[in-house]
Amino acid sequence: MIIREATRHDSERIIAVMANAEASNYMLFGPGERNLAPKPFGEYIDKLYHSHHSALFIAEMDEQVVAYLIVQGNEPSRIAHRAYLVIGIHSDYRGRKIGTALFQHVENWAIVNGVHRLELTVMENNEAGVALYKKMGFDIEGTKRASLYVDGQYINEYYMSKLLIGKGTTV
């Protein structure tokens, strides 16, 4: 498995993984709800690539993009130490420690880049996601009650975070 930062040339392959991940019905966007085009998505990747606190990492196996992890950082100085994460793994590749490898890679990247706090949200009923995030050291900070409306039901989300030890850390 290769984990690397994405480039604009990966946009079509990442979009395909995103569509597959959204088909799980555990993502913010429902299946088929989002229509990403390669050119504007490639521009988004370029923007992340040139940001100090943001990035998009991909996992490749057999020359195929099989997963992504977006790190969305912040510019204002008071919140520049934190980043929001979004992960997606193609359904054919789940359960192969790809998520674990992506999180480890991103954690190392975050420490080097001065990110002290990683945060994410996950649907309360996404047991595999919650288990992965807890395994990676994330704690549930709270519940966003009735945060999403999925298939005619309100779904709670957990707000989770992990504090990193690195440059500038006083914890």
N, C-alpha and C. Protein backbone atom coordinates (compact mmCIF):
# COMPACT_ATOMS: atom_id res chain seq x y z
N MET A 1 0.85 -1.17 0.00
CA MET A 1 0.00 0.00 0.00
C MET A 1 0.90 1.24 0.00
N ILE A 2 0.50 2.21 -0.79
CA ILE A 2 1.20 3.49 -0.85
C ILE A 2 0.25 4.56 -0.35
N ILE A 3 0.74 5.40 0.56
CA ILE A 3 -0.03 6.56 1.01
C ILE A 3 0.76 7.79 0.60
N ARG A 4 0.07 8.70 -0.06
CA ARG A 4 0.73 9.92 -0.53
C ARG A 4 -0.28 11.05 -0.62
N GLU A 5 0.26 12.25 -0.75
CA GLU A 5 -0.61 13.40 -0.94
C GLU A 5 -1.13 13.38 -2.38
N ALA A 6 -2.41 13.68 -2.53
CA ALA A 6 -3.04 13.66 -3.85
C ALA A 6 -2.60 14.84 -4.69
N THR A 7 -2.68 14.66 -5.99
CA THR A 7 -2.48 15.75 -6.94
C THR A 7 -3.73 15.86 -7.79
N ARG A 8 -3.82 16.94 -8.55
CA ARG A 8 -4.98 17.15 -9.40
C ARG A 8 -5.20 16.00 -10.37
N HIS A 9 -4.13 15.28 -10.72
CA HIS A 9 -4.24 14.16 -11.66
C HIS A 9 -4.99 12.96 -11.06
N ASP A 10 -5.16 12.97 -9.75
CA ASP A 10 -5.88 11.88 -9.07
C ASP A 10 -7.38 12.15 -8.96
N SER A 11 -7.84 13.31 -9.43
CA SER A 11 -9.21 13.75 -9.12
C SER A 11 -10.28 12.74 -9.56
N GLU A 12 -10.20 12.20 -10.77
CA GLU A 12 -11.23 11.25 -11.22
C GLU A 12 -11.26 10.00 -10.35
N ARG A 13 -10.10 9.50 -9.99
CA ARG A 13 -10.04 8.27 -9.18
C ARG A 13 -10.54 8.52 -7.76
N ILE A 14 -10.27 9.70 -7.21
CA ILE A 14 -10.77 10.03 -5.87
C ILE A 14 -12.29 10.20 -5.90
N ILE A 15 -12.79 10.87 -6.93
CA ILE A 15 -14.24 11.05 -7.07
C ILE A 15 -14.95 9.70 -7.11
N ALA A 16 -14.36 8.72 -7.78
CA ALA A 16 -14.96 7.38 -7.84
C ALA A 16 -15.02 6.75 -6.45
N VAL A 17 -13.97 6.91 -5.66
CA VAL A 17 -13.96 6.37 -4.29
C VAL A 17 -14.98 7.11 -3.43
N MET A 18 -15.08 8.43 -3.61
CA MET A 18 -16.07 9.21 -2.86
C MET A 18 -17.48 8.71 -3.15
N ALA A 19 -17.78 8.49 -4.42
CA ALA A 19 -19.12 8.00 -4.79
C ALA A 19 -19.39 6.65 -4.15
N ASN A 20 -18.39 5.78 -4.14
CA ASN A 20 -18.55 4.47 -3.53
C ASN A 20 -18.76 4.60 -2.02
N ALA A 21 -17.98 5.46 -1.36
CA ALA A 21 -18.11 5.65 0.09
C ALA A 21 -19.49 6.23 0.42
N GLU A 22 -19.96 7.17 -0.39
CA GLU A 22 -21.27 7.76 -0.13
C GLU A 22 -22.39 6.75 -0.30
N ALA A 23 -22.18 5.72 -1.11
CA ALA A 23 -23.17 4.66 -1.28
C ALA A 23 -23.40 3.87 0.00
N SER A 24 -22.44 3.96 0.95
CA SER A 24 -22.59 3.27 2.24
C SER A 24 -23.70 3.88 3.08
N ASN A 25 -24.08 5.11 2.76
CA ASN A 25 -25.10 5.87 3.48
C ASN A 25 -24.63 6.32 4.86
N TYR A 26 -23.33 6.33 5.09
CA TYR A 26 -22.77 6.82 6.35
C TYR A 26 -22.03 8.14 6.19
N MET A 27 -22.13 8.76 5.03
CA MET A 27 -21.41 10.01 4.77
C MET A 27 -22.40 11.18 4.83
N LEU A 28 -21.87 12.40 4.85
CA LEU A 28 -22.71 13.59 4.88
C LEU A 28 -23.61 13.64 3.65
N PHE A 29 -23.04 13.38 2.48
CA PHE A 29 -23.83 13.35 1.25
C PHE A 29 -24.41 11.95 1.05
N GLY A 30 -25.67 11.90 0.64
CA GLY A 30 -26.30 10.63 0.37
C GLY A 30 -25.84 10.07 -0.96
N PRO A 31 -26.15 8.80 -1.21
CA PRO A 31 -25.76 8.17 -2.47
C PRO A 31 -26.27 8.96 -3.68
N GLY A 32 -25.36 9.32 -4.57
CA GLY A 32 -25.71 10.04 -5.79
C GLY A 32 -26.10 11.49 -5.62
N GLU A 33 -26.03 12.01 -4.40
CA GLU A 33 -26.48 13.37 -4.13
C GLU A 33 -25.49 14.43 -4.63
N ARG A 34 -24.22 14.10 -4.63
CA ARG A 34 -23.18 15.06 -5.01
C ARG A 34 -22.66 14.71 -6.39
N ASN A 35 -22.48 15.73 -7.21
CA ASN A 35 -21.96 15.52 -8.56
C ASN A 35 -20.65 16.30 -8.71
N LEU A 36 -19.54 15.65 -8.44
CA LEU A 36 -18.24 16.29 -8.54
C LEU A 36 -17.69 16.12 -9.95
N ALA A 37 -17.09 17.19 -10.46
CA ALA A 37 -16.45 17.14 -11.77
C ALA A 37 -14.94 17.16 -11.58
N PRO A 38 -14.21 16.42 -12.40
CA PRO A 38 -12.75 16.32 -12.22
C PRO A 38 -12.00 17.65 -12.23
N LYS A 39 -12.34 18.56 -13.13
CA LYS A 39 -11.58 19.82 -13.22
C LYS A 39 -11.72 20.67 -11.95
N PRO A 40 -12.96 21.00 -11.49
CA PRO A 40 -13.04 21.79 -10.26
C PRO A 40 -12.52 21.05 -9.03
N PHE A 41 -12.69 19.72 -9.01
CA PHE A 41 -12.16 18.97 -7.88
C PHE A 41 -10.63 18.99 -7.91
N GLY A 42 -10.04 18.93 -9.09
CA GLY A 42 -8.59 19.06 -9.22
C GLY A 42 -8.10 20.40 -8.71
N GLU A 43 -8.88 21.46 -8.96
CA GLU A 43 -8.53 22.79 -8.43
C GLU A 43 -8.60 22.81 -6.91
N TYR A 44 -9.59 22.13 -6.35
CA TYR A 44 -9.70 22.00 -4.89
C TYR A 44 -8.48 21.28 -4.32
N ILE A 45 -8.06 20.21 -4.98
CA ILE A 45 -6.87 19.48 -4.54
C ILE A 45 -5.65 20.39 -4.57
N ASP A 46 -5.50 21.18 -5.63
CA ASP A 46 -4.38 22.13 -5.72
C ASP A 46 -4.39 23.11 -4.57
N LYS A 47 -5.58 23.61 -4.23
CA LYS A 47 -5.71 24.56 -3.12
C LYS A 47 -5.26 23.92 -1.81
N LEU A 48 -5.69 22.69 -1.57
CA LEU A 48 -5.27 21.98 -0.35
C LEU A 48 -3.76 21.75 -0.36
N TYR A 49 -3.23 21.39 -1.52
CA TYR A 49 -1.80 21.08 -1.64
C TYR A 49 -0.93 22.28 -1.27
N HIS A 50 -1.42 23.48 -1.55
CA HIS A 50 -0.65 24.69 -1.28
C HIS A 50 -0.99 25.33 0.07
N SER A 51 -1.80 24.66 0.86
CA SER A 51 -2.15 25.17 2.18
C SER A 51 -1.24 24.54 3.24
N HIS A 52 -0.91 25.31 4.25
CA HIS A 52 -0.02 24.82 5.30
C HIS A 52 -0.71 23.83 6.24
N HIS A 53 -2.02 23.99 6.44
CA HIS A 53 -2.73 23.16 7.42
C HIS A 53 -3.79 22.27 6.80
N SER A 54 -3.78 22.11 5.49
CA SER A 54 -4.77 21.27 4.83
C SER A 54 -4.07 20.35 3.84
N ALA A 55 -4.68 19.21 3.57
CA ALA A 55 -4.12 18.26 2.61
C ALA A 55 -5.17 17.22 2.27
N LEU A 56 -4.92 16.51 1.19
CA LEU A 56 -5.74 15.37 0.82
C LEU A 56 -4.79 14.22 0.55
N PHE A 57 -4.91 13.17 1.35
CA PHE A 57 -4.06 11.99 1.21
C PHE A 57 -4.87 10.85 0.62
N ILE A 58 -4.19 10.03 -0.17
CA ILE A 58 -4.84 8.86 -0.76
C ILE A 58 -4.04 7.62 -0.42
N ALA A 59 -4.75 6.50 -0.40
CA ALA A 59 -4.11 5.18 -0.28
C ALA A 59 -4.30 4.49 -1.61
N GLU A 60 -3.20 3.91 -2.11
CA GLU A 60 -3.23 3.18 -3.37
C GLU A 60 -2.83 1.74 -3.14
N MET A 61 -3.54 0.85 -3.81
CA MET A 61 -3.20 -0.56 -3.84
C MET A 61 -3.37 -1.03 -5.28
N ASP A 62 -2.42 -1.77 -5.77
CA ASP A 62 -2.48 -2.27 -7.14
C ASP A 62 -2.75 -1.14 -8.14
N GLU A 63 -2.09 -0.01 -7.91
CA GLU A 63 -2.20 1.18 -8.76
C GLU A 63 -3.61 1.76 -8.82
N GLN A 64 -4.43 1.43 -7.83
CA GLN A 64 -5.80 1.96 -7.72
C GLN A 64 -5.91 2.81 -6.47
N VAL A 65 -6.60 3.95 -6.57
CA VAL A 65 -6.93 4.73 -5.38
C VAL A 65 -8.05 3.98 -4.67
N VAL A 66 -7.82 3.62 -3.41
CA VAL A 66 -8.80 2.83 -2.67
C VAL A 66 -9.36 3.57 -1.45
N ALA A 67 -8.75 4.71 -1.10
CA ALA A 67 -9.22 5.46 0.06
C ALA A 67 -8.65 6.87 0.01
N TYR A 68 -9.30 7.76 0.75
CA TYR A 68 -8.82 9.14 0.86
C TYR A 68 -9.05 9.63 2.28
N LEU A 69 -8.26 10.60 2.67
CA LEU A 69 -8.45 11.27 3.95
C LEU A 69 -8.17 12.75 3.72
N ILE A 70 -9.20 13.57 3.87
CA ILE A 70 -9.08 15.01 3.70
C ILE A 70 -8.79 15.63 5.06
N VAL A 71 -7.80 16.51 5.09
CA VAL A 71 -7.46 17.29 6.28
C VAL A 71 -7.79 18.73 5.95
N GLN A 72 -8.83 19.27 6.58
CA GLN A 72 -9.25 20.64 6.30
C GLN A 72 -8.83 21.52 7.47
N GLY A 73 -7.75 22.27 7.27
CA GLY A 73 -7.23 23.14 8.32
C GLY A 73 -7.86 24.51 8.30
N ASN A 74 -7.33 25.37 9.14
CA ASN A 74 -7.87 26.71 9.33
C ASN A 74 -6.75 27.75 9.23
N GLU A 75 -7.07 28.92 8.79
CA GLU A 75 -6.09 29.99 8.67
C GLU A 75 -6.07 30.96 9.86
N PRO A 76 -7.23 31.35 10.41
CA PRO A 76 -7.17 32.30 11.54
C PRO A 76 -6.29 31.75 12.66
N SER A 77 -5.46 32.60 13.22
CA SER A 77 -4.44 32.15 14.19
C SER A 77 -5.02 31.41 15.39
N ARG A 78 -6.19 31.80 15.84
CA ARG A 78 -6.76 31.16 17.04
C ARG A 78 -7.25 29.74 16.79
N ILE A 79 -7.46 29.38 15.54
CA ILE A 79 -7.92 28.02 15.24
C ILE A 79 -7.01 27.31 14.24
N ALA A 80 -5.84 27.88 13.98
CA ALA A 80 -4.91 27.28 13.00
C ALA A 80 -4.32 25.97 13.50
N HIS A 81 -4.47 25.68 14.77
CA HIS A 81 -3.91 24.47 15.37
C HIS A 81 -4.82 23.25 15.21
N ARG A 82 -6.00 23.44 14.62
CA ARG A 82 -6.94 22.32 14.52
C ARG A 82 -7.29 22.04 13.07
N ALA A 83 -7.67 20.79 12.81
CA ALA A 83 -8.06 20.39 11.46
C ALA A 83 -9.20 19.38 11.53
N TYR A 84 -10.11 19.50 10.58
CA TYR A 84 -11.27 18.62 10.48
C TYR A 84 -10.95 17.54 9.45
N LEU A 85 -11.29 16.29 9.77
CA LEU A 85 -10.95 15.16 8.90
C LEU A 85 -12.20 14.54 8.29
N VAL A 86 -12.04 14.07 7.04
CA VAL A 86 -13.08 13.30 6.35
C VAL A 86 -12.37 12.13 5.67
N ILE A 87 -12.83 10.92 5.97
CA ILE A 87 -12.21 9.73 5.39
C ILE A 87 -13.25 8.94 4.61
N GLY A 88 -12.79 8.32 3.55
CA GLY A 88 -13.64 7.41 2.78
C GLY A 88 -12.79 6.26 2.27
N ILE A 89 -13.32 5.05 2.39
CA ILE A 89 -12.62 3.85 1.95
C ILE A 89 -13.56 3.09 1.01
N HIS A 90 -13.05 2.71 -0.14
CA HIS A 90 -13.85 1.95 -1.10
C HIS A 90 -14.34 0.66 -0.43
N SER A 91 -15.59 0.31 -0.67
CA SER A 91 -16.20 -0.84 0.00
C SER A 91 -15.44 -2.15 -0.24
N ASP A 92 -14.78 -2.29 -1.39
CA ASP A 92 -14.02 -3.51 -1.68
C ASP A 92 -12.74 -3.63 -0.86
N TYR A 93 -12.35 -2.55 -0.18
CA TYR A 93 -11.07 -2.54 0.52
C TYR A 93 -11.21 -2.29 2.02
N ARG A 94 -12.42 -2.28 2.54
CA ARG A 94 -12.61 -2.06 3.98
C ARG A 94 -12.14 -3.28 4.76
N GLY A 95 -11.69 -3.05 6.00
CA GLY A 95 -11.24 -4.14 6.85
C GLY A 95 -9.82 -4.59 6.57
N ARG A 96 -9.05 -3.79 5.84
CA ARG A 96 -7.68 -4.17 5.50
C ARG A 96 -6.64 -3.25 6.13
N LYS A 97 -7.01 -2.53 7.17
CA LYS A 97 -6.11 -1.64 7.91
C LYS A 97 -5.70 -0.39 7.12
N ILE A 98 -6.44 -0.09 6.05
CA ILE A 98 -6.16 1.09 5.24
C ILE A 98 -6.48 2.36 6.03
N GLY A 99 -7.61 2.36 6.73
CA GLY A 99 -7.96 3.51 7.56
C GLY A 99 -6.92 3.76 8.64
N THR A 100 -6.46 2.70 9.27
CA THR A 100 -5.43 2.83 10.30
C THR A 100 -4.17 3.46 9.72
N ALA A 101 -3.75 2.99 8.55
CA ALA A 101 -2.53 3.52 7.92
C ALA A 101 -2.71 4.99 7.54
N LEU A 102 -3.88 5.35 7.00
CA LEU A 102 -4.12 6.74 6.64
C LEU A 102 -4.09 7.64 7.88
N PHE A 103 -4.74 7.22 8.96
CA PHE A 103 -4.74 8.03 10.17
C PHE A 103 -3.33 8.19 10.74
N GLN A 104 -2.54 7.13 10.74
CA GLN A 104 -1.16 7.23 11.24
C GLN A 104 -0.36 8.21 10.39
N HIS A 105 -0.52 8.14 9.08
CA HIS A 105 0.18 9.04 8.18
C HIS A 105 -0.23 10.50 8.43
N VAL A 106 -1.52 10.73 8.56
CA VAL A 106 -2.02 12.08 8.78
C VAL A 106 -1.58 12.61 10.14
N GLU A 107 -1.55 11.76 11.14
CA GLU A 107 -1.10 12.21 12.46
C GLU A 107 0.35 12.68 12.39
N ASN A 108 1.20 11.93 11.74
CA ASN A 108 2.61 12.35 11.59
C ASN A 108 2.70 13.66 10.82
N TRP A 109 1.95 13.77 9.72
CA TRP A 109 1.92 15.00 8.94
C TRP A 109 1.46 16.18 9.79
N ALA A 110 0.41 15.96 10.58
CA ALA A 110 -0.16 17.03 11.41
C ALA A 110 0.85 17.53 12.43
N ILE A 111 1.56 16.64 13.08
CA ILE A 111 2.56 17.05 14.07
C ILE A 111 3.64 17.90 13.42
N VAL A 112 4.14 17.47 12.28
CA VAL A 112 5.17 18.22 11.55
C VAL A 112 4.65 19.60 11.14
N ASN A 113 3.36 19.68 10.82
CA ASN A 113 2.78 20.93 10.33
C ASN A 113 2.11 21.78 11.41
N GLY A 114 2.36 21.43 12.68
CA GLY A 114 1.88 22.26 13.78
C GLY A 114 0.40 22.14 14.08
N VAL A 115 -0.23 21.06 13.64
CA VAL A 115 -1.64 20.82 13.96
C VAL A 115 -1.68 20.05 15.27
N HIS A 116 -2.38 20.59 16.23
CA HIS A 116 -2.43 20.01 17.58
C HIS A 116 -3.72 19.23 17.83
N ARG A 117 -4.78 19.58 17.11
CA ARG A 117 -6.10 18.97 17.36
C ARG A 117 -6.69 18.47 16.04
N LEU A 118 -7.05 17.19 16.03
CA LEU A 118 -7.76 16.61 14.90
C LEU A 118 -9.19 16.36 15.34
N GLU A 119 -10.15 16.66 14.47
CA GLU A 119 -11.55 16.48 14.84
C GLU A 119 -12.34 15.95 13.66
N LEU A 120 -13.45 15.29 13.97
CA LEU A 120 -14.30 14.72 12.95
C LEU A 120 -15.68 14.48 13.54
N THR A 121 -16.63 14.21 12.65
CA THR A 121 -17.95 13.78 13.10
C THR A 121 -18.23 12.44 12.45
N VAL A 122 -19.07 11.65 13.12
CA VAL A 122 -19.42 10.33 12.62
C VAL A 122 -20.85 10.01 13.07
N MET A 123 -21.61 9.38 12.17
CA MET A 123 -22.96 8.98 12.55
C MET A 123 -22.88 7.99 13.71
N GLU A 124 -23.75 8.19 14.67
CA GLU A 124 -23.79 7.34 15.86
C GLU A 124 -23.95 5.86 15.49
N ASN A 125 -24.65 5.56 14.42
CA ASN A 125 -24.91 4.17 14.03
C ASN A 125 -23.82 3.58 13.13
N ASN A 126 -22.77 4.33 12.84
CA ASN A 126 -21.66 3.83 12.04
C ASN A 126 -20.66 3.14 12.97
N GLU A 127 -20.98 1.92 13.34
CA GLU A 127 -20.19 1.20 14.34
C GLU A 127 -18.74 0.98 13.89
N ALA A 128 -18.53 0.66 12.62
CA ALA A 128 -17.16 0.43 12.13
C ALA A 128 -16.36 1.73 12.18
N GLY A 129 -16.98 2.84 11.80
CA GLY A 129 -16.30 4.12 11.85
C GLY A 129 -15.94 4.52 13.27
N VAL A 130 -16.90 4.43 14.17
CA VAL A 130 -16.66 4.77 15.57
C VAL A 130 -15.54 3.90 16.14
N ALA A 131 -15.55 2.61 15.84
CA ALA A 131 -14.51 1.70 16.33
C ALA A 131 -13.13 2.11 15.80
N LEU A 132 -13.04 2.45 14.51
CA LEU A 132 -11.76 2.88 13.94
C LEU A 132 -11.26 4.14 14.63
N TYR A 133 -12.13 5.12 14.79
CA TYR A 133 -11.70 6.39 15.38
C TYR A 133 -11.27 6.21 16.84
N LYS A 134 -11.99 5.40 17.59
CA LYS A 134 -11.59 5.13 18.97
C LYS A 134 -10.25 4.40 19.00
N LYS A 135 -10.07 3.43 18.10
CA LYS A 135 -8.79 2.70 18.02
C LYS A 135 -7.63 3.65 17.74
N MET A 136 -7.91 4.70 16.97
CA MET A 136 -6.87 5.66 16.61
C MET A 136 -6.69 6.75 17.66
N GLY A 137 -7.40 6.63 18.78
CA GLY A 137 -7.19 7.56 19.90
C GLY A 137 -8.14 8.74 19.96
N PHE A 138 -9.18 8.73 19.15
CA PHE A 138 -10.17 9.80 19.19
C PHE A 138 -11.15 9.54 20.33
N ASP A 139 -11.57 10.62 20.96
CA ASP A 139 -12.55 10.56 22.04
C ASP A 139 -13.84 11.23 21.60
N ILE A 140 -14.96 10.70 22.08
CA ILE A 140 -16.24 11.35 21.82
C ILE A 140 -16.35 12.55 22.75
N GLU A 141 -16.52 13.72 22.17
CA GLU A 141 -16.67 14.94 22.97
C GLU A 141 -18.14 15.26 23.23
N GLY A 142 -18.98 14.81 22.34
CA GLY A 142 -20.39 15.11 22.50
C GLY A 142 -21.22 14.49 21.41
N THR A 143 -22.51 14.64 21.54
CA THR A 143 -23.45 14.12 20.57
C THR A 143 -24.21 15.28 19.96
N LYS A 144 -24.20 15.34 18.64
CA LYS A 144 -25.00 16.32 17.91
C LYS A 144 -26.34 15.64 17.63
N ARG A 145 -27.32 15.92 18.48
CA ARG A 145 -28.61 15.24 18.42
C ARG A 145 -29.39 15.61 17.16
N ALA A 146 -29.97 14.59 16.53
CA ALA A 146 -30.78 14.77 15.33
C ALA A 146 -30.06 15.65 14.31
N SER A 147 -28.78 15.43 14.16
CA SER A 147 -27.92 16.27 13.32
C SER A 147 -28.14 16.03 11.83
N LEU A 148 -28.49 14.81 11.46
CA LEU A 148 -28.68 14.46 10.05
C LEU A 148 -30.06 13.85 9.87
N TYR A 149 -30.58 13.97 8.67
CA TYR A 149 -31.86 13.36 8.31
C TYR A 149 -31.60 12.38 7.19
N VAL A 150 -31.66 11.08 7.49
CA VAL A 150 -31.27 10.03 6.55
C VAL A 150 -32.42 9.03 6.42
N ASP A 151 -32.88 8.82 5.21
CA ASP A 151 -33.93 7.83 4.94
C ASP A 151 -35.13 7.99 5.87
N GLY A 152 -35.56 9.22 6.06
CA GLY A 152 -36.75 9.47 6.85
C GLY A 152 -36.56 9.42 8.35
N GLN A 153 -35.29 9.34 8.80
CA GLN A 153 -35.01 9.30 10.25
C GLN A 153 -33.96 10.33 10.61
N TYR A 154 -34.11 10.90 11.80
CA TYR A 154 -33.07 11.77 12.33
C TYR A 154 -31.97 10.91 12.94
N ILE A 155 -30.74 11.25 12.64
CA ILE A 155 -29.59 10.48 13.10
C ILE A 155 -28.69 11.39 13.94
N ASN A 156 -28.24 10.88 15.07
CA ASN A 156 -27.27 11.61 15.89
C ASN A 156 -25.87 11.43 15.31
N GLU A 157 -25.03 12.43 15.53
CA GLU A 157 -23.62 12.33 15.17
C GLU A 157 -22.79 12.50 16.43
N TYR A 158 -21.69 11.77 16.49
CA TYR A 158 -20.71 12.01 17.55
C TYR A 158 -19.71 13.03 17.03
N TYR A 159 -19.34 13.95 17.90
CA TYR A 159 -18.25 14.87 17.62
C TYR A 159 -17.04 14.28 18.34
N MET A 160 -15.99 13.97 17.59
CA MET A 160 -14.82 13.29 18.16
C MET A 160 -13.57 14.11 17.90
N SER A 161 -12.58 13.98 18.79
CA SER A 161 -11.32 14.68 18.59
C SER A 161 -10.16 13.89 19.19
N LYS A 162 -8.99 14.30 18.75
CA LYS A 162 -7.75 13.74 19.28
C LYS A 162 -6.75 14.87 19.39
N LEU A 163 -6.11 14.98 20.55
CA LEU A 163 -5.06 15.97 20.74
C LEU A 163 -3.72 15.31 20.48
N LEU A 164 -2.87 16.00 19.74
CA LEU A 164 -1.56 15.47 19.36
C LEU A 164 -0.46 16.10 20.19
N ILE A 165 0.57 15.34 20.42
CA ILE A 165 1.75 15.84 21.12
C ILE A 165 2.78 16.21 20.05
N GLY A 166 3.23 17.43 20.08
CA GLY A 166 4.20 17.87 19.07
C GLY A 166 4.63 19.29 19.34
N LYS A 167 5.04 19.96 18.27
CA LYS A 167 5.52 21.32 18.38
C LYS A 167 4.48 22.21 19.04
N GLY A 168 4.90 22.99 20.02
CA GLY A 168 4.02 23.94 20.66
C GLY A 168 3.00 23.34 21.63
N THR A 169 3.09 22.06 21.90
CA THR A 169 2.13 21.40 22.78
C THR A 169 2.48 21.65 24.23
N THR A 170 1.47 22.02 25.01
CA THR A 170 1.68 22.26 26.43
C THR A 170 0.91 21.27 27.30
N VAL A 171 0.21 20.33 26.67
CA VAL A 171 -0.60 19.37 27.44
C VAL A 171 0.30 18.31 28.03
